[in-house]
Amino acid sequence: MTSNQEEQQEEREVLLSIYDGDTCFKELNETTYQYRVGENGDLKSFMLEVSWGDEYPSIPPDITLDAFFNNHISQTIKENVISRMKEEATQWLDSAMTFTLFEFAKENAEDFMTDQEESAVQKEEKEEKKETVPLVGKIKERKEQLTKNQKRKITERTNYKGERPRGWDWVDVIKHLSKSGFTKPEDS
C-alpha cells in the first residue's frame, strides 16, 4: 500500500468514529462521503459530497453538490460553494481534510446560502401570481369492468366484509410432511 492509501484508510476510520450516529453523515463507499449541512427541509440546507481520488490527500478531493437533495439550490450558488470549498481544500493538501471541509461548510453555511433565501422567496411569489385555469370538464376515471365469473371467484374467496377466511394461508402439516418425507431418528 502506498502512503496515500494508508492515509486514506486512517482518515476513513477517524471519520467513521467521529460521525458515528450522526444522521447528517453518510459513507457512500470507502472514498466517497456525504454530509448534510442544515436541517432537513430547510431551504438553506445542502448536501456536500467529497470523493477522494487515488492521489488524495496529495491532491484535493472532488467536491460536488450534485445530490438530488440539492435540487432547490440555484446553479450559481452551487458554483460559489464549490469554488470556496476547493480554495479551502488547497490549504490542507498532504493532510486529512474531509472533516475540516465538512466543518468549514457548517461554519459558512449562512454565508453560502444568503442569496438562496431571496431566490426561493421570488419563486414562491411567482407561483402565487400564476392564475389557475379552471378545467373545462371533469375527466372521469373508468373502473375496470369484471365479468360475472371474475366477480363470483372474488366472492367465493372472501366473506361478506371482503376479507379472506381465517386460516386461508395455513399449511396442511400432514400433507406437507407426506410430501417432504419423514426420517427416522437414529438411536444413540
C-alpha atoms as a PDB file:
ATOM      1  CA  MET A   1       0.000   0.000   0.000  1.00  0.00           C
ATOM      2  CA  THR A   2       1.210   3.462  -0.814  1.00  0.00           C
ATOM      3  CA  SER A   3       1.337   6.171   1.797  1.00  0.00           C
ATOM      4  CA  ASN A   4      -1.716   7.889   0.231  1.00  0.00           C
ATOM      5  CA  GLN A   5      -3.771   4.726   0.613  1.00  0.00           C
ATOM      6  CA  GLU A   6      -2.622   4.305   4.214  1.00  0.00           C
ATOM      7  CA  GLU A   7      -3.567   7.907   4.990  1.00  0.00           C
ATOM      8  CA  GLN A   8      -6.964   7.376   3.332  1.00  0.00           C
ATOM      9  CA  GLN A   9      -7.586   4.273   5.455  1.00  0.00           C
ATOM     10  CA  GLU A  10      -6.649   6.136   8.637  1.00  0.00           C
ATOM     11  CA  GLU A  11      -8.853   9.099   7.721  1.00  0.00           C
ATOM     12  CA  ARG A  12     -11.767   6.769   6.919  1.00  0.00           C
ATOM     13  CA  GLU A  13     -11.523   5.167  10.365  1.00  0.00           C
ATOM     14  CA  VAL A  14     -11.366   8.585  12.032  1.00  0.00           C
ATOM     15  CA  LEU A  15     -14.374   9.884  10.066  1.00  0.00           C
ATOM     16  CA  LEU A  16     -16.451   6.819  10.916  1.00  0.00           C
ATOM     17  CA  SER A  17     -15.625   7.177  14.619  1.00  0.00           C
ATOM     18  CA  ILE A  18     -16.297  10.947  14.686  1.00  0.00           C
ATOM     19  CA  TYR A  19     -19.596  10.774  12.830  1.00  0.00           C
ATOM     20  CA  ASP A  20     -20.840   7.537  14.424  1.00  0.00           C
ATOM     21  CA  GLY A  21     -24.565   8.064  14.977  1.00  0.00           C
ATOM     22  CA  ASP A  22     -24.667  11.423  13.141  1.00  0.00           C
ATOM     23  CA  THR A  23     -27.635  11.304  10.740  1.00  0.00           C
ATOM     24  CA  CYS A  24     -26.144  14.098   8.610  1.00  0.00           C
ATOM     25  CA  PHE A  25     -23.090  11.984   7.665  1.00  0.00           C
ATOM     26  CA  LYS A  26     -23.208   9.191   5.100  1.00  0.00           C
ATOM     27  CA  GLU A  27     -20.468   6.956   3.716  1.00  0.00           C
ATOM     28  CA  LEU A  28     -21.312   6.019   0.123  1.00  0.00           C
ATOM     29  CA  ASN A  29     -18.178   3.902  -0.316  1.00  0.00           C
ATOM     30  CA  GLU A  30     -14.628   3.845   1.049  1.00  0.00           C
ATOM     31  CA  THR A  31     -13.682   7.007  -0.843  1.00  0.00           C
ATOM     32  CA  THR A  32     -16.947   8.994  -1.096  1.00  0.00           C
ATOM     33  CA  TYR A  33     -18.692  10.740   1.794  1.00  0.00           C
ATOM     34  CA  GLN A  34     -21.730  12.996   2.079  1.00  0.00           C
ATOM     35  CA  TYR A  35     -22.641  15.470   4.782  1.00  0.00           C
ATOM     36  CA  ARG A  36     -25.935  17.350   5.064  1.00  0.00           C
ATOM     37  CA  VAL A  37     -25.433  20.906   6.277  1.00  0.00           C
ATOM     38  CA  GLY A  38     -28.577  22.388   7.829  1.00  0.00           C
ATOM     39  CA  GLU A  39     -31.909  20.961   8.851  1.00  0.00           C
ATOM     40  CA  ASN A  40     -33.807  18.589   6.614  1.00  0.00           C
ATOM     41  CA  GLY A  41     -36.442  20.521   4.636  1.00  0.00           C
ATOM     42  CA  ASP A  42     -34.793  23.908   5.225  1.00  0.00           C
ATOM     43  CA  LEU A  43     -34.264  25.998   2.073  1.00  0.00           C
ATOM     44  CA  LYS A  44     -30.732  26.825   3.222  1.00  0.00           C
ATOM     45  CA  SER A  45     -29.671  23.212   3.744  1.00  0.00           C
ATOM     46  CA  PHE A  46     -27.447  21.398   1.277  1.00  0.00           C
ATOM     47  CA  MET A  47     -25.708  18.041   0.798  1.00  0.00           C
ATOM     48  CA  LEU A  48     -21.946  18.240   0.334  1.00  0.00           C
ATOM     49  CA  GLU A  49     -20.233  15.274  -1.337  1.00  0.00           C
ATOM     50  CA  VAL A  50     -16.476  14.683  -1.064  1.00  0.00           C
ATOM     51  CA  SER A  51     -14.792  11.984  -3.193  1.00  0.00           C
ATOM     52  CA  TRP A  52     -11.162  11.008  -2.805  1.00  0.00           C
ATOM     53  CA  GLY A  53      -9.002  10.224  -5.816  1.00  0.00           C
ATOM     54  CA  ASP A  54      -6.092   7.743  -5.790  1.00  0.00           C
ATOM     55  CA  GLU A  55      -3.597  10.522  -5.012  1.00  0.00           C
ATOM     56  CA  TYR A  56      -5.656  12.061  -2.164  1.00  0.00           C
ATOM     57  CA  PRO A  57      -4.543  13.772   0.174  1.00  0.00           C
ATOM     58  CA  SER A  58      -1.671  14.896  -2.088  1.00  0.00           C
ATOM     59  CA  ILE A  59      -4.294  16.374  -4.406  1.00  0.00           C
ATOM     60  CA  PRO A  60      -7.616  17.926  -3.310  1.00  0.00           C
ATOM     61  CA  PRO A  61     -10.723  15.722  -3.292  1.00  0.00           C
ATOM     62  CA  ASP A  62     -13.572  16.075  -5.780  1.00  0.00           C
ATOM     63  CA  ILE A  63     -16.255  18.267  -4.149  1.00  0.00           C
ATOM     64  CA  THR A  64     -19.787  18.309  -5.602  1.00  0.00           C
ATOM     65  CA  LEU A  65     -23.322  19.409  -4.815  1.00  0.00           C
ATOM     66  CA  ASP A  66     -24.909  17.133  -7.445  1.00  0.00           C
ATOM     67  CA  ALA A  67     -27.071  15.160  -4.989  1.00  0.00           C
ATOM     68  CA  PHE A  68     -30.837  15.161  -5.598  1.00  0.00           C
ATOM     69  CA  PHE A  69     -31.165  16.806  -2.176  1.00  0.00           C
ATOM     70  CA  ASN A  70     -29.677  19.995  -3.685  1.00  0.00           C
ATOM     71  CA  ASN A  71     -32.238  20.487  -6.474  1.00  0.00           C
ATOM     72  CA  HIS A  72     -33.648  23.546  -4.696  1.00  0.00           C
ATOM     73  CA  ILE A  73     -30.295  25.375  -4.917  1.00  0.00           C
ATOM     74  CA  SER A  74     -29.526  27.568  -7.935  1.00  0.00           C
ATOM     75  CA  GLN A  75     -26.534  26.722 -10.107  1.00  0.00           C
ATOM     76  CA  THR A  76     -24.715  29.980  -9.289  1.00  0.00           C
ATOM     77  CA  ILE A  77     -24.890  29.265  -5.565  1.00  0.00           C
ATOM     78  CA  LYS A  78     -23.637  25.717  -6.148  1.00  0.00           C
ATOM     79  CA  GLU A  79     -20.689  27.019  -8.162  1.00  0.00           C
ATOM     80  CA  ASN A  80     -19.892  29.585  -5.449  1.00  0.00           C
ATOM     81  CA  VAL A  81     -19.961  26.957  -2.691  1.00  0.00           C
ATOM     82  CA  ILE A  82     -17.793  24.539  -4.673  1.00  0.00           C
ATOM     83  CA  SER A  83     -15.196  27.197  -5.531  1.00  0.00           C
ATOM     84  CA  ARG A  84     -14.949  28.297  -1.881  1.00  0.00           C
ATOM     85  CA  MET A  85     -14.669  24.677  -0.730  1.00  0.00           C
ATOM     86  CA  LYS A  86     -11.906  23.996  -3.281  1.00  0.00           C
ATOM     87  CA  GLU A  87      -9.999  27.063  -2.069  1.00  0.00           C
ATOM     88  CA  GLU A  88     -10.216  25.703   1.469  1.00  0.00           C
ATOM     89  CA  ALA A  89      -9.094  22.239   0.306  1.00  0.00           C
ATOM     90  CA  THR A  90      -5.919  23.601  -1.313  1.00  0.00           C
ATOM     91  CA  GLN A  91      -4.827  24.936   2.082  1.00  0.00           C
ATOM     92  CA  TRP A  92      -4.905  21.437   3.584  1.00  0.00           C
ATOM     93  CA  LEU A  93      -3.005  19.455   0.920  1.00  0.00           C
ATOM     94  CA  ASP A  94      -0.998  16.474   2.200  1.00  0.00           C
ATOM     95  CA  SER A  95      -3.171  16.185   5.324  1.00  0.00           C
ATOM     96  CA  ALA A  96      -6.524  14.632   6.174  1.00  0.00           C
ATOM     97  CA  MET A  97      -9.038  17.308   5.217  1.00  0.00           C
ATOM     98  CA  THR A  98     -12.516  15.782   4.844  1.00  0.00           C
ATOM     99  CA  PHE A  99     -13.544  16.545   8.432  1.00  0.00           C
ATOM    100  CA  THR A 100     -12.106  20.068   8.074  1.00  0.00           C
ATOM    101  CA  LEU A 101     -14.067  20.622   4.859  1.00  0.00           C
ATOM    102  CA  PHE A 102     -17.333  19.464   6.451  1.00  0.00           C
ATOM    103  CA  GLU A 103     -16.711  21.770   9.431  1.00  0.00           C
ATOM    104  CA  PHE A 104     -15.850  24.662   7.084  1.00  0.00           C
ATOM    105  CA  ALA A 105     -19.155  24.092   5.261  1.00  0.00           C
ATOM    106  CA  LYS A 106     -21.106  24.069   8.550  1.00  0.00           C
ATOM    107  CA  GLU A 107     -19.409  27.265   9.778  1.00  0.00           C
ATOM    108  CA  ASN A 108     -20.031  29.113   6.498  1.00  0.00           C
ATOM    109  CA  ALA A 109     -23.469  27.715   5.633  1.00  0.00           C
ATOM    110  CA  GLU A 110     -25.241  31.021   6.322  1.00  0.00           C
ATOM    111  CA  ASP A 111     -22.764  32.908   4.150  1.00  0.00           C
ATOM    112  CA  PHE A 112     -23.060  30.323   1.342  1.00  0.00           C
ATOM    113  CA  MET A 113     -26.844  30.478   1.286  1.00  0.00           C
ATOM    114  CA  THR A 114     -27.557  34.205   1.708  1.00  0.00           C
ATOM    115  CA  ASP A 115     -28.683  34.529  -1.917  1.00  0.00           C
ATOM    116  CA  GLN A 116     -30.607  31.243  -1.766  1.00  0.00           C
ATOM    117  CA  GLU A 117     -33.347  32.579   0.506  1.00  0.00           C
ATOM    118  CA  GLU A 118     -34.065  35.502  -1.798  1.00  0.00           C
ATOM    119  CA  SER A 119     -34.345  33.295  -4.879  1.00  0.00           C
ATOM    120  CA  ALA A 120     -36.644  30.859  -3.045  1.00  0.00           C
ATOM    121  CA  VAL A 121     -38.933  33.713  -1.944  1.00  0.00           C
ATOM    122  CA  GLN A 122     -39.042  35.035  -5.517  1.00  0.00           C
ATOM    123  CA  LYS A 123     -40.071  31.601  -6.792  1.00  0.00           C
ATOM    124  CA  GLU A 124     -42.898  31.423  -4.239  1.00  0.00           C
ATOM    125  CA  GLU A 125     -44.129  34.882  -5.280  1.00  0.00           C
ATOM    126  CA  LYS A 126     -44.143  33.837  -8.942  1.00  0.00           C
ATOM    127  CA  GLU A 127     -46.130  30.712  -8.090  1.00  0.00           C
ATOM    128  CA  GLU A 128     -48.693  32.786  -6.190  1.00  0.00           C
ATOM    129  CA  LYS A 129     -49.083  35.156  -9.158  1.00  0.00           C
ATOM    130  CA  LYS A 130     -49.898  32.324 -11.535  1.00  0.00           C
ATOM    131  CA  GLU A 131     -53.605  32.095 -12.111  1.00  0.00           C
ATOM    132  CA  THR A 132     -55.210  28.728 -12.035  1.00  0.00           C
ATOM    133  CA  VAL A 133     -57.182  27.918 -15.142  1.00  0.00           C
ATOM    134  CA  PRO A 134     -60.387  26.022 -14.356  1.00  0.00           C
ATOM    135  CA  LEU A 135     -60.828  22.731 -16.137  1.00  0.00           C
ATOM    136  CA  VAL A 136     -63.485  22.696 -18.825  1.00  0.00           C
ATOM    137  CA  GLY A 137     -64.822  19.293 -17.859  1.00  0.00           C
ATOM    138  CA  LYS A 138     -64.072  16.616 -15.344  1.00  0.00           C
ATOM    139  CA  ILE A 139     -62.194  13.619 -16.577  1.00  0.00           C
ATOM    140  CA  LYS A 140     -63.925  10.511 -15.331  1.00  0.00           C
ATOM    141  CA  GLU A 141     -61.900   7.513 -14.333  1.00  0.00           C
ATOM    142  CA  ARG A 142     -63.125   4.313 -15.834  1.00  0.00           C
ATOM    143  CA  LYS A 143     -63.362   1.427 -13.455  1.00  0.00           C
ATOM    144  CA  GLU A 144     -62.287  -1.943 -14.640  1.00  0.00           C
ATOM    145  CA  GLN A 145     -65.336  -3.975 -15.596  1.00  0.00           C
ATOM    146  CA  LEU A 146     -65.284  -7.508 -14.221  1.00  0.00           C
ATOM    147  CA  THR A 147     -67.139 -10.405 -15.767  1.00  0.00           C
ATOM    148  CA  LYS A 148     -69.686 -12.365 -13.730  1.00  0.00           C
ATOM    149  CA  ASN A 149     -67.228 -15.256 -13.454  1.00  0.00           C
ATOM    150  CA  GLN A 150     -64.478 -12.963 -12.093  1.00  0.00           C
ATOM    151  CA  LYS A 151     -66.887 -11.467  -9.552  1.00  0.00           C
ATOM    152  CA  ARG A 152     -68.018 -14.941  -8.465  1.00  0.00           C
ATOM    153  CA  LYS A 153     -64.409 -16.068  -7.895  1.00  0.00           C
ATOM    154  CA  ILE A 154     -63.720 -12.981  -5.769  1.00  0.00           C
ATOM    155  CA  THR A 155     -66.824 -13.523  -3.627  1.00  0.00           C
ATOM    156  CA  GLU A 156     -66.021 -17.215  -3.171  1.00  0.00           C
ATOM    157  CA  ARG A 157     -62.589 -16.331  -1.767  1.00  0.00           C
ATOM    158  CA  THR A 158     -63.820 -13.659   0.661  1.00  0.00           C
ATOM    159  CA  ASN A 159     -66.547 -13.282   3.295  1.00  0.00           C
ATOM    160  CA  TYR A 160     -69.253 -10.600   3.307  1.00  0.00           C
ATOM    161  CA  LYS A 161     -66.733  -7.985   4.552  1.00  0.00           C
ATOM    162  CA  GLY A 162     -64.323  -8.643   1.680  1.00  0.00           C
ATOM    163  CA  GLU A 163     -61.848 -10.418   3.969  1.00  0.00           C
ATOM    164  CA  ARG A 164     -60.368 -13.834   3.435  1.00  0.00           C
ATOM    165  CA  PRO A 165     -61.434 -16.509   5.913  1.00  0.00           C
ATOM    166  CA  ARG A 166     -59.275 -17.349   8.909  1.00  0.00           C
ATOM    167  CA  GLY A 167     -56.544 -19.830   8.035  1.00  0.00           C
ATOM    168  CA  TRP A 168     -56.667 -19.378   4.256  1.00  0.00           C
ATOM    169  CA  ASP A 169     -52.861 -19.370   4.099  1.00  0.00           C
ATOM    170  CA  TRP A 170     -52.175 -22.073   6.651  1.00  0.00           C
ATOM    171  CA  VAL A 171     -50.091 -25.077   5.643  1.00  0.00           C
ATOM    172  CA  ASP A 172     -51.581 -28.541   5.987  1.00  0.00           C
ATOM    173  CA  VAL A 173     -48.920 -30.153   8.184  1.00  0.00           C
ATOM    174  CA  ILE A 174     -49.832 -33.781   7.349  1.00  0.00           C
ATOM    175  CA  LYS A 175     -49.841 -33.092   3.634  1.00  0.00           C
ATOM    176  CA  HIS A 176     -46.537 -31.212   3.887  1.00  0.00           C
ATOM    177  CA  LEU A 177     -44.829 -33.997   5.814  1.00  0.00           C
ATOM    178  CA  SER A 178     -46.099 -36.650   3.411  1.00  0.00           C
ATOM    179  CA  LYS A 179     -44.538 -34.720   0.517  1.00  0.00           C
ATOM    180  CA  SER A 180     -41.247 -33.888   2.215  1.00  0.00           C
ATOM    181  CA  GLY A 181     -40.727 -37.327   3.698  1.00  0.00           C
ATOM    182  CA  PHE A 182     -40.171 -38.460   7.241  1.00  0.00           C
ATOM    183  CA  THR A 183     -36.765 -39.500   8.544  1.00  0.00           C
ATOM    184  CA  LYS A 184     -36.476 -41.822  11.495  1.00  0.00           C
ATOM    185  CA  PRO A 185     -34.266 -40.531  14.305  1.00  0.00           C
ATOM    186  CA  GLU A 186     -31.105 -42.576  14.763  1.00  0.00           C
ATOM    187  CA  ASP A 187     -30.746 -44.492  18.028  1.00  0.00           C
ATOM    188  CA  SER A 188     -27.792 -43.254  20.002  1.00  0.00           C
END
